Amino acid sequence: MDQGRESRWEKDAMTVEIAFALVTAGALALAVFAPAVVFTLALPVSGSVRHGVLVGGAVLGAAAGLWRLVRVLLRFDTQRRQGH
């Protein structure tokens, strides 16, 4: 029995949206980080430069993934509140 305000369909939709947000955030983070890996593998760079490029790529990838996650979930919440 559902005692809350949300129906089962709404809870399922929220679960799907969270999964979608996580998957697309991970894909975007990987797409942003991948050029840093390719750069370090393709060009002969020293250890400290290699480390800096990989850390920079990881930070940018994490930021892009977090941005995507928040953006998708906020959009879903806005649409839910408007009744779409």
N, C-alpha and C. Protein backbone atom coordinates (compact mmCIF):
# COMPACT_ATOMS: atom_id res chain seq x y z
N MET A 1 0.84 -1.18 0.00
CA MET A 1 0.00 0.00 0.00
C MET A 1 0.88 1.24 0.00
N ASP A 2 0.49 2.19 -0.80
CA ASP A 2 1.24 3.42 -0.92
C ASP A 2 0.57 4.51 -0.09
N GLN A 3 1.19 4.88 1.01
CA GLN A 3 0.62 5.90 1.89
C GLN A 3 1.10 7.30 1.54
N GLY A 4 2.11 7.42 0.66
CA GLY A 4 2.69 8.71 0.34
C GLY A 4 1.93 9.46 -0.73
N ARG A 5 2.43 10.64 -1.05
CA ARG A 5 1.80 11.48 -2.05
C ARG A 5 2.08 11.00 -3.46
N GLU A 6 3.18 10.29 -3.66
CA GLU A 6 3.58 9.88 -5.00
C GLU A 6 3.02 8.50 -5.34
N SER A 7 2.54 8.38 -6.55
CA SER A 7 2.04 7.09 -7.00
C SER A 7 3.23 6.18 -7.35
N ARG A 8 2.94 4.93 -7.56
CA ARG A 8 3.99 3.97 -7.93
C ARG A 8 4.61 4.37 -9.26
N TRP A 9 3.79 4.86 -10.19
CA TRP A 9 4.30 5.28 -11.50
C TRP A 9 5.29 6.43 -11.34
N GLU A 10 4.98 7.37 -10.46
CA GLU A 10 5.88 8.51 -10.23
C GLU A 10 7.19 8.06 -9.61
N LYS A 11 7.14 7.11 -8.70
CA LYS A 11 8.36 6.59 -8.09
C LYS A 11 9.21 5.85 -9.12
N ASP A 12 8.56 5.07 -9.99
CA ASP A 12 9.28 4.37 -11.04
C ASP A 12 9.92 5.35 -12.02
N ALA A 13 9.18 6.40 -12.36
CA ALA A 13 9.71 7.43 -13.27
C ALA A 13 10.92 8.12 -12.65
N MET A 14 10.87 8.36 -11.36
CA MET A 14 11.99 8.99 -10.67
C MET A 14 13.21 8.07 -10.67
N THR A 15 12.99 6.78 -10.45
CA THR A 15 14.08 5.82 -10.47
C THR A 15 14.73 5.76 -11.84
N VAL A 16 13.93 5.73 -12.88
CA VAL A 16 14.45 5.71 -14.25
C VAL A 16 15.23 6.99 -14.53
N GLU A 17 14.73 8.11 -14.10
CA GLU A 17 15.40 9.39 -14.34
C GLU A 17 16.73 9.45 -13.60
N ILE A 18 16.79 8.94 -12.39
CA ILE A 18 18.05 8.92 -11.64
C ILE A 18 19.06 8.02 -12.35
N ALA A 19 18.62 6.86 -12.80
CA ALA A 19 19.52 5.96 -13.53
C ALA A 19 20.02 6.62 -14.81
N PHE A 20 19.12 7.28 -15.54
CA PHE A 20 19.49 7.99 -16.77
C PHE A 20 20.52 9.07 -16.46
N ALA A 21 20.29 9.83 -15.38
CA ALA A 21 21.22 10.90 -15.01
C ALA A 21 22.59 10.34 -14.67
N LEU A 22 22.64 9.24 -13.93
CA LEU A 22 23.92 8.64 -13.56
C LEU A 22 24.67 8.09 -14.77
N VAL A 23 23.96 7.42 -15.66
CA VAL A 23 24.61 6.83 -16.84
C VAL A 23 25.13 7.93 -17.76
N THR A 24 24.32 8.94 -18.04
CA THR A 24 24.77 10.00 -18.93
C THR A 24 25.88 10.84 -18.30
N ALA A 25 25.83 11.02 -16.98
CA ALA A 25 26.90 11.75 -16.29
C ALA A 25 28.21 10.98 -16.39
N GLY A 26 28.15 9.68 -16.21
CA GLY A 26 29.35 8.85 -16.34
C GLY A 26 29.91 8.87 -17.75
N ALA A 27 29.02 8.80 -18.73
CA ALA A 27 29.46 8.84 -20.13
C ALA A 27 30.11 10.18 -20.47
N LEU A 28 29.52 11.27 -19.99
CA LEU A 28 30.10 12.58 -20.25
C LEU A 28 31.44 12.73 -19.55
N ALA A 29 31.54 12.27 -18.31
CA ALA A 29 32.81 12.35 -17.58
C ALA A 29 33.89 11.56 -18.32
N LEU A 30 33.56 10.40 -18.83
CA LEU A 30 34.51 9.59 -19.59
C LEU A 30 34.89 10.28 -20.89
N ALA A 31 33.93 10.89 -21.57
CA ALA A 31 34.21 11.58 -22.82
C ALA A 31 35.12 12.79 -22.61
N VAL A 32 35.00 13.44 -21.46
CA VAL A 32 35.86 14.59 -21.16
C VAL A 32 37.24 14.12 -20.72
N PHE A 33 37.33 13.01 -20.00
CA PHE A 33 38.60 12.50 -19.50
C PHE A 33 39.41 11.79 -20.59
N ALA A 34 38.75 11.18 -21.55
CA ALA A 34 39.41 10.39 -22.58
C ALA A 34 40.48 11.17 -23.36
N PRO A 35 40.25 12.41 -23.78
CA PRO A 35 41.32 13.12 -24.50
C PRO A 35 42.60 13.30 -23.68
N ALA A 36 42.48 13.44 -22.39
CA ALA A 36 43.67 13.55 -21.54
C ALA A 36 44.46 12.25 -21.58
N VAL A 37 43.77 11.12 -21.53
CA VAL A 37 44.44 9.83 -21.60
C VAL A 37 45.09 9.64 -22.96
N VAL A 38 44.37 9.97 -24.01
CA VAL A 38 44.92 9.85 -25.37
C VAL A 38 46.14 10.74 -25.52
N PHE A 39 46.07 11.95 -25.01
CA PHE A 39 47.19 12.88 -25.10
C PHE A 39 48.43 12.31 -24.42
N THR A 40 48.26 11.76 -23.23
CA THR A 40 49.42 11.23 -22.50
C THR A 40 49.97 9.96 -23.14
N LEU A 41 49.13 9.20 -23.81
CA LEU A 41 49.60 8.00 -24.48
C LEU A 41 50.22 8.30 -25.84
N ALA A 42 49.73 9.31 -26.52
CA ALA A 42 50.18 9.61 -27.88
C ALA A 42 51.47 10.42 -27.91
N LEU A 43 51.65 11.28 -26.94
CA LEU A 43 52.82 12.15 -26.95
C LEU A 43 53.78 11.78 -25.83
N PRO A 44 55.07 11.89 -26.10
CA PRO A 44 56.04 11.60 -25.05
C PRO A 44 56.14 12.76 -24.06
N VAL A 45 55.49 12.61 -22.93
CA VAL A 45 55.51 13.66 -21.90
C VAL A 45 56.16 13.12 -20.64
N SER A 46 56.75 14.03 -19.88
CA SER A 46 57.43 13.61 -18.65
C SER A 46 56.42 13.21 -17.58
N GLY A 47 56.92 12.65 -16.50
CA GLY A 47 56.05 12.15 -15.44
C GLY A 47 55.19 13.20 -14.79
N SER A 48 55.75 14.37 -14.49
CA SER A 48 54.96 15.40 -13.82
C SER A 48 53.92 16.02 -14.75
N VAL A 49 54.29 16.20 -16.02
CA VAL A 49 53.32 16.74 -16.99
C VAL A 49 52.21 15.72 -17.23
N ARG A 50 52.59 14.48 -17.36
CA ARG A 50 51.61 13.40 -17.55
C ARG A 50 50.63 13.37 -16.37
N HIS A 51 51.16 13.43 -15.17
CA HIS A 51 50.32 13.42 -13.97
C HIS A 51 49.40 14.64 -13.96
N GLY A 52 49.92 15.80 -14.29
CA GLY A 52 49.11 17.02 -14.32
C GLY A 52 47.98 16.96 -15.34
N VAL A 53 48.30 16.43 -16.52
CA VAL A 53 47.27 16.31 -17.56
C VAL A 53 46.18 15.33 -17.12
N LEU A 54 46.58 14.21 -16.54
CA LEU A 54 45.59 13.22 -16.10
C LEU A 54 44.74 13.75 -14.95
N VAL A 55 45.36 14.44 -14.00
CA VAL A 55 44.59 15.01 -12.89
C VAL A 55 43.65 16.09 -13.42
N GLY A 56 44.15 16.94 -14.31
CA GLY A 56 43.29 17.97 -14.91
C GLY A 56 42.12 17.37 -15.67
N GLY A 57 42.38 16.32 -16.43
CA GLY A 57 41.31 15.64 -17.16
C GLY A 57 40.30 15.00 -16.23
N ALA A 58 40.80 14.43 -15.13
CA ALA A 58 39.90 13.81 -14.16
C ALA A 58 39.03 14.86 -13.47
N VAL A 59 39.62 15.99 -13.12
CA VAL A 59 38.85 17.06 -12.47
C VAL A 59 37.80 17.62 -13.43
N LEU A 60 38.20 17.88 -14.67
CA LEU A 60 37.23 18.37 -15.66
C LEU A 60 36.14 17.34 -15.94
N GLY A 61 36.51 16.08 -16.03
CA GLY A 61 35.53 15.02 -16.25
C GLY A 61 34.55 14.91 -15.10
N ALA A 62 35.07 14.98 -13.88
CA ALA A 62 34.19 14.92 -12.71
C ALA A 62 33.25 16.12 -12.66
N ALA A 63 33.78 17.30 -12.98
CA ALA A 63 32.93 18.50 -12.98
C ALA A 63 31.85 18.41 -14.05
N ALA A 64 32.21 17.93 -15.23
CA ALA A 64 31.23 17.80 -16.31
C ALA A 64 30.17 16.76 -15.94
N GLY A 65 30.59 15.65 -15.35
CA GLY A 65 29.64 14.62 -14.94
C GLY A 65 28.69 15.11 -13.86
N LEU A 66 29.22 15.83 -12.88
CA LEU A 66 28.39 16.38 -11.82
C LEU A 66 27.40 17.41 -12.38
N TRP A 67 27.88 18.24 -13.31
CA TRP A 67 27.00 19.24 -13.95
C TRP A 67 25.85 18.53 -14.66
N ARG A 68 26.17 17.47 -15.40
CA ARG A 68 25.13 16.73 -16.13
C ARG A 68 24.13 16.10 -15.16
N LEU A 69 24.62 15.50 -14.10
CA LEU A 69 23.75 14.85 -13.12
C LEU A 69 22.78 15.86 -12.51
N VAL A 70 23.29 16.98 -12.08
CA VAL A 70 22.44 18.01 -11.46
C VAL A 70 21.46 18.57 -12.47
N ARG A 71 21.92 18.83 -13.69
CA ARG A 71 21.06 19.40 -14.73
C ARG A 71 19.88 18.49 -15.05
N VAL A 72 20.14 17.20 -15.22
CA VAL A 72 19.07 16.25 -15.55
C VAL A 72 18.06 16.14 -14.41
N LEU A 73 18.56 16.04 -13.18
CA LEU A 73 17.66 15.89 -12.05
C LEU A 73 16.85 17.15 -11.78
N LEU A 74 17.45 18.31 -11.94
CA LEU A 74 16.69 19.56 -11.76
C LEU A 74 15.63 19.72 -12.85
N ARG A 75 15.98 19.35 -14.08
CA ARG A 75 15.00 19.42 -15.17
C ARG A 75 13.82 18.49 -14.90
N PHE A 76 14.11 17.28 -14.42
CA PHE A 76 13.05 16.33 -14.09
C PHE A 76 12.16 16.88 -12.98
N ASP A 77 12.77 17.46 -11.94
CA ASP A 77 12.00 18.00 -10.83
C ASP A 77 11.11 19.16 -11.29
N THR A 78 11.64 20.01 -12.15
CA THR A 78 10.86 21.14 -12.67
C THR A 78 9.66 20.63 -13.47
N GLN A 79 9.90 19.64 -14.33
CA GLN A 79 8.80 19.09 -15.13
C GLN A 79 7.77 18.40 -14.24
N ARG A 80 8.24 17.72 -13.21
CA ARG A 80 7.31 17.03 -12.30
C ARG A 80 6.44 18.02 -11.57
N ARG A 81 7.03 19.12 -11.13
CA ARG A 81 6.26 20.14 -10.41
C ARG A 81 5.24 20.85 -11.30
N GLN A 82 5.55 20.93 -12.60
CA GLN A 82 4.62 21.56 -13.54
C GLN A 82 3.55 20.59 -14.00
N GLY A 83 3.70 19.33 -13.66
CA GLY A 83 2.68 18.35 -13.98
C GLY A 83 2.85 17.70 -15.34
N HIS A 84 4.04 17.74 -15.91
CA HIS A 84 4.29 17.12 -17.23
C HIS A 84 4.65 15.68 -17.11
